[in-house]
Protein backbone atom coordinates (compact mmCIF):
# COMPACT_ATOMS: atom_id res chain seq x y z
CA MET A 1 -2.35 22.86 -2.67
CA THR A 2 -4.27 20.66 -0.24
CA LEU A 3 -7.64 19.40 -1.40
CA LEU A 4 -10.65 17.97 0.42
CA PHE A 5 -12.49 15.07 -1.20
CA ALA A 6 -15.50 13.10 0.00
CA LEU A 7 -14.81 9.34 0.12
CA SER A 8 -18.46 8.59 0.77
CA THR A 9 -21.27 10.22 2.68
CA ALA A 10 -19.53 9.31 5.94
CA HIS A 11 -15.88 10.05 5.12
CA ALA A 12 -13.75 12.94 3.95
CA CYS A 13 -10.14 12.99 2.86
CA VAL A 14 -7.60 15.79 2.87
CA SER A 15 -4.70 15.31 0.45
CA ASP A 16 -2.48 16.99 -2.10
CA THR A 17 -3.97 14.72 -4.78
CA MET A 18 -7.40 13.37 -5.64
CA GLU A 19 -5.79 10.01 -6.49
CA ALA A 20 -4.53 9.51 -2.91
CA CYS A 21 -8.06 10.01 -1.60
CA ILE A 22 -9.48 7.56 -4.15
CA VAL A 23 -6.95 4.90 -3.09
CA VAL A 24 -7.72 5.53 0.61
CA GLY A 25 -11.41 5.11 -0.20
CA GLU A 26 -10.77 1.80 -1.97
CA VAL A 27 -8.60 0.48 0.86
CA THR A 28 -11.20 1.64 3.41
CA GLU A 29 -13.81 -0.50 1.63
CA ILE A 30 -11.46 -3.50 1.45
CA THR A 31 -10.45 -3.34 5.12
CA THR A 32 -14.05 -2.83 6.25
CA ALA A 33 -15.11 -5.95 4.33
CA LEU A 34 -12.17 -7.94 5.73
CA ASN A 35 -13.08 -6.78 9.25
CA GLY A 36 -16.63 -8.18 9.08
CA GLY A 37 -18.22 -4.87 8.02
CA VAL A 38 -16.71 -2.86 10.87
CA PRO A 39 -14.65 0.11 9.61
CA VAL A 40 -10.95 0.05 10.48
CA ILE A 41 -10.04 3.26 8.64
CA SER A 42 -12.41 5.88 10.01
CA GLU A 43 -12.59 9.57 10.86
CA SER A 44 -13.72 8.61 14.35
CA GLY A 45 -10.83 6.18 14.91
CA PRO A 46 -7.34 6.87 16.22
CA VAL A 47 -5.51 9.58 14.26
CA ARG A 48 -3.17 7.00 12.69
CA LEU A 49 -6.21 5.24 11.14
CA GLN A 50 -8.05 8.33 9.89
CA PRO A 51 -8.41 8.78 6.10
CA ASP A 52 -6.59 12.10 5.94
CA THR A 53 -3.62 10.72 7.94
CA ILE A 54 -3.32 7.77 5.56
CA ALA A 55 -3.71 10.06 2.52
CA ALA A 56 -0.82 12.19 3.84
CA GLN A 57 1.29 9.03 3.99
CA LEU A 58 0.38 8.33 0.36
CA ASP A 59 1.43 11.88 -0.50
CA GLU A 60 4.82 11.06 1.05
CA LEU A 61 5.01 7.86 -1.04
CA THR A 62 4.25 9.93 -4.14
CA LEU A 63 7.36 12.03 -3.53
CA VAL A 64 9.48 8.87 -3.16
CA TYR A 65 7.98 7.43 -6.36
CA GLU A 66 8.48 10.62 -8.35
CA ALA A 67 12.14 10.75 -7.28
CA THR A 68 12.71 7.37 -9.00
CA GLY A 69 12.23 8.78 -12.49
CA CYS A 70 10.09 5.74 -13.36
CA SER A 71 7.33 6.12 -15.93
CA GLY A 72 3.64 6.17 -15.11
CA GLY A 73 1.89 7.85 -12.24
CA PRO A 74 2.33 6.70 -8.66
CA PHE A 75 -1.33 5.74 -8.35
CA ASP A 76 -1.47 3.67 -11.56
CA ARG A 77 -0.74 0.68 -9.28
CA TRP A 78 -1.67 0.42 -5.61
CA ILE A 79 -2.04 -2.28 -2.96
CA GLY A 80 -3.78 -2.29 0.41
CA GLY A 81 -5.50 -4.47 2.97
CA MET A 82 -5.17 -5.99 6.43
CA TYR A 83 -2.60 -8.16 8.14
CA THR A 84 -3.34 -10.49 11.04
CA GLY A 85 -0.59 -12.54 12.63
CA GLY A 86 1.35 -14.24 9.86
CA SER A 87 -0.90 -13.47 6.89
CA TRP A 88 -2.33 -10.58 4.91
CA ASN A 89 -5.31 -10.13 2.59
CA GLY A 90 -6.40 -7.23 0.48
CA GLY A 91 -6.58 -5.87 -3.00
CA TRP A 92 -4.46 -4.30 -5.69
CA ALA A 93 -5.20 -2.22 -8.73
CA PHE A 94 -3.71 -1.33 -12.06
CA VAL A 95 -5.15 1.93 -13.36
CA GLU A 96 -8.95 1.58 -12.87
CA THR A 97 -9.30 -2.19 -12.30
CA SER A 98 -8.77 -3.91 -8.96
CA TRP A 99 -8.40 -7.54 -7.88
CA ASP A 100 -7.64 -9.66 -4.80
CA ALA A 101 -4.25 -10.15 -3.16
CA SER A 102 -2.96 -12.25 -0.27
CA GLY A 103 0.25 -13.44 1.32
CA THR A 104 2.32 -14.01 4.42
CA VAL A 105 4.11 -11.83 6.95
CA GLY A 106 7.23 -13.06 8.71
CA SER A 107 9.95 -11.62 10.87
CA GLY A 108 10.80 -8.39 9.07
CA ALA A 109 9.63 -9.64 5.64
CA PHE A 110 6.48 -10.28 3.62
CA SER A 111 5.50 -11.97 0.37
CA GLY A 112 2.36 -12.65 -1.56
CA ASP A 113 0.46 -12.90 -4.80
CA LEU A 114 -1.64 -10.45 -6.78
CA TYR A 115 -4.49 -12.22 -8.57
CA ASP A 116 -6.31 -11.42 -11.81
CA GLU A 117 -10.07 -11.55 -12.42
CA SER A 118 -9.89 -15.37 -12.83
CA LEU A 119 -7.96 -15.70 -9.53
CA ASN A 120 -4.79 -16.70 -11.38
CA VAL A 121 -1.55 -15.22 -10.07
CA ASP A 122 -0.85 -12.06 -12.07
CA ALA A 123 2.25 -10.96 -10.12
CA SER A 124 4.12 -11.78 -6.93
CA ILE A 125 5.63 -9.43 -4.38
CA GLY A 126 8.41 -9.93 -1.87
CA THR A 127 9.77 -13.08 -3.50
CA VAL A 128 13.29 -11.73 -4.10
CA TRP A 129 13.51 -9.18 -1.28
CA SER A 130 11.16 -7.41 1.13
CA GLY A 131 11.15 -5.77 4.50
CA TYR A 132 9.26 -3.64 6.96
CA ASP A 133 10.53 -1.61 9.87
CA GLY A 134 9.39 -0.22 13.20
CA SER A 135 8.61 3.19 11.71
CA GLY A 136 5.70 1.76 9.68
CA ARG A 137 7.46 1.55 6.32
CA LEU A 138 7.48 -1.45 3.98
CA ALA A 139 9.21 -2.21 0.70
CA GLY A 140 9.63 -5.20 -1.57
CA ASP A 141 10.14 -6.39 -5.10
CA GLN A 142 7.37 -7.16 -7.58
CA ASP A 143 8.36 -10.11 -9.78
CA GLY A 144 12.00 -9.18 -9.24
CA ALA A 145 11.75 -6.30 -11.74
CA GLY A 146 9.35 -3.89 -10.05
CA PHE A 147 8.88 -2.57 -6.54
CA VAL A 148 6.23 -1.86 -3.92
CA ILE A 149 6.62 0.77 -1.20
CA GLY A 150 4.11 1.53 1.47
CA ARG A 151 3.06 1.99 5.05
CA TRP A 152 1.75 -0.45 7.64
CA ILE A 153 -0.40 0.84 10.51
CA ARG A 154 -0.98 -1.28 13.60
CA VAL A 155 -4.54 -1.54 14.89
CA ALA A 156 -3.80 -3.72 17.94
CA GLY A 157 -1.45 -6.59 18.70
CA ARG A 158 -0.41 -8.33 15.47
CA ARG A 159 -3.29 -6.82 13.48
CA GLY A 160 -3.29 -3.79 11.22
CA VAL A 161 -3.73 -2.26 7.79
CA PHE A 162 -1.30 -1.51 4.99
CA ILE A 163 -1.35 0.68 1.92
CA GLY A 164 1.21 1.24 -0.81
CA ILE A 165 2.05 1.91 -4.41
CA SER A 166 4.06 -0.14 -6.88
CA GLY A 167 5.93 0.51 -10.07
CA ALA A 168 8.40 -0.78 -12.61
CA CYS A 169 11.39 1.00 -14.06
CA ALA A 170 12.03 -0.52 -17.48
CA GLY A 171 15.61 0.23 -18.45
CA GLY A 172 15.98 2.37 -15.36
CA PRO A 173 17.32 1.80 -11.87
CA THR A 174 16.95 -1.60 -10.20
CA PRO A 175 14.00 -1.94 -7.82
CA ASP A 176 16.19 -2.18 -4.73
CA ALA A 177 18.04 1.00 -5.78
CA VAL A 178 14.70 2.77 -6.22
CA VAL A 179 13.68 2.21 -2.61
CA GLN A 180 17.14 2.37 -1.04
CA GLY A 181 16.82 4.20 2.23
CA TRP A 182 13.01 3.98 2.39
CA LEU A 183 13.23 1.55 5.30
CA ALA A 184 14.68 3.08 8.48
CA ASP A 185 17.57 0.63 8.63
CA GLY A 186 18.14 0.66 4.84
CA THR A 187 18.10 -3.15 4.60
CA PHE A 188 15.92 -5.73 2.89
């Protein structure tokens, strides 16, 4: 069943889940703030940057997450923001609370830190392995024991947005096994 949810008075979202639309709404707010108040994710923008397109990509990530057999829902933890050149900034959330995040982007890899309310590092991503490919997919570890999978969407040049979900599989498969094959070339 596909559902339609209002993100705000100016945005709507079409998705299989309400949670995907909520995450798209949060990331829309983050990227708008990072872009000096000018919306990046918008119904009037290119199709690739429209809320319902991004929500459909989150629906795809949900299927990947559910196939892992890991506990918790796919939207218990999410990450999103903007990348420009060699850095990225954004936010992340665990259940209903969100905080800041930032890091670097290199040739085919990324890393960064997820901060708590006191701006102390709560977790790190991409420190053991990470990668992104030309098809807009990204994957990496979270503190070596968890994983993040997502999508990056180019705006122009070396600037764009990203959105993803993360998880941990206590006693289950290793994080790299969880996302094996997510990247087009299958490498990290």
